[in-house]
Amino acid sequence: MLTNELINRLSNKEVVYFKNSFDEVVFKANPLEGYLAKRKNGKVYQIEIGAKLLTEAFLEGCIITKEEFENY
């Protein structure tokens, strides 16, 4: 399951990029610096760990690449 892979990467303090497909938002999770979000063709903004969009994306577990995040 991709959610397990996401958890493992975060536990290893890796930077992980993932997506909330339904709301069309991508995220950058840096365990040491926090979480960033970006809507399609939008600007990057900081998001709190308990935000609904972030939680839904985390549960979806759709990991993406850094390039996909940057080009979203």
Protein backbone atom coordinates (compact mmCIF):
# COMPACT_ATOMS: atom_id res chain seq x y z
CA MET A 1 0.00 0.00 0.00
CA LEU A 2 1.35 3.43 -0.95
CA THR A 3 0.36 4.98 2.38
CA ASN A 4 2.83 2.61 4.08
CA GLU A 5 5.57 3.74 1.69
CA LEU A 6 4.73 7.35 2.49
CA ILE A 7 4.94 6.65 6.23
CA ASN A 8 8.25 4.81 5.82
CA ARG A 9 9.81 7.65 3.84
CA LEU A 10 8.69 10.25 6.37
CA SER A 11 9.95 8.07 9.23
CA ASN A 12 13.33 8.00 7.49
CA LYS A 13 13.22 11.82 7.37
CA GLU A 14 13.03 11.85 3.57
CA VAL A 15 11.40 14.66 1.61
CA VAL A 16 8.26 13.22 0.01
CA TYR A 17 5.97 14.65 -2.66
CA PHE A 18 2.37 13.43 -2.90
CA LYS A 19 -1.01 14.38 -4.28
CA ASN A 20 -4.66 14.82 -3.33
CA SER A 21 -6.23 13.83 -6.66
CA PHE A 22 -9.80 14.82 -5.76
CA ASP A 23 -8.98 18.40 -4.74
CA GLU A 24 -6.10 18.74 -7.24
CA VAL A 25 -3.50 19.77 -4.67
CA VAL A 26 0.09 18.53 -4.43
CA PHE A 27 2.24 18.52 -1.30
CA LYS A 28 5.87 18.55 -0.28
CA ALA A 29 6.49 16.92 3.08
CA ASN A 30 9.80 17.71 4.70
CA PRO A 31 9.83 16.15 8.19
CA LEU A 32 12.44 18.68 9.35
CA GLU A 33 10.84 21.81 7.85
CA GLY A 34 7.10 21.21 7.52
CA TYR A 35 4.58 20.86 4.73
CA LEU A 36 3.99 22.87 1.57
CA ALA A 37 0.96 22.74 -0.73
CA LYS A 38 0.29 23.88 -4.27
CA ARG A 39 -2.90 24.01 -6.31
CA LYS A 40 -2.79 23.54 -10.08
CA ASN A 41 -0.95 26.50 -11.66
CA GLY A 42 -0.86 28.17 -8.26
CA LYS A 43 1.76 29.35 -5.82
CA VAL A 44 3.31 27.23 -3.10
CA TYR A 45 2.02 27.89 0.43
CA GLN A 46 2.66 26.47 3.89
CA ILE A 47 0.02 24.11 5.27
CA GLU A 48 -0.54 22.87 8.80
CA ILE A 49 -0.14 19.19 9.61
CA GLY A 50 -3.80 18.75 10.66
CA ALA A 51 -5.31 20.33 7.53
CA LYS A 52 -8.08 18.26 5.91
CA LEU A 53 -6.53 18.46 2.41
CA LEU A 54 -3.23 17.17 3.72
CA THR A 55 -4.85 14.36 5.71
CA GLU A 56 -6.87 13.22 2.69
CA ALA A 57 -3.77 13.23 0.48
CA PHE A 58 -1.81 11.34 3.09
CA LEU A 59 -4.53 8.65 3.23
CA GLU A 60 -4.67 8.47 -0.57
CA GLY A 61 -0.93 7.83 -0.61
CA CYS A 62 -0.35 8.96 -4.20
CA ILE A 63 3.38 9.69 -4.24
CA ILE A 64 4.66 11.95 -7.04
CA THR A 65 8.06 13.20 -8.13
CA LYS A 66 9.69 16.54 -7.31
CA GLU A 67 9.28 17.50 -10.97
CA GLU A 68 5.56 16.75 -10.89
CA PHE A 69 5.22 18.96 -7.81
CA GLU A 70 7.15 21.82 -9.42
CA ASN A 71 5.24 21.60 -12.73
CA TYR A 72 1.77 21.31 -11.19
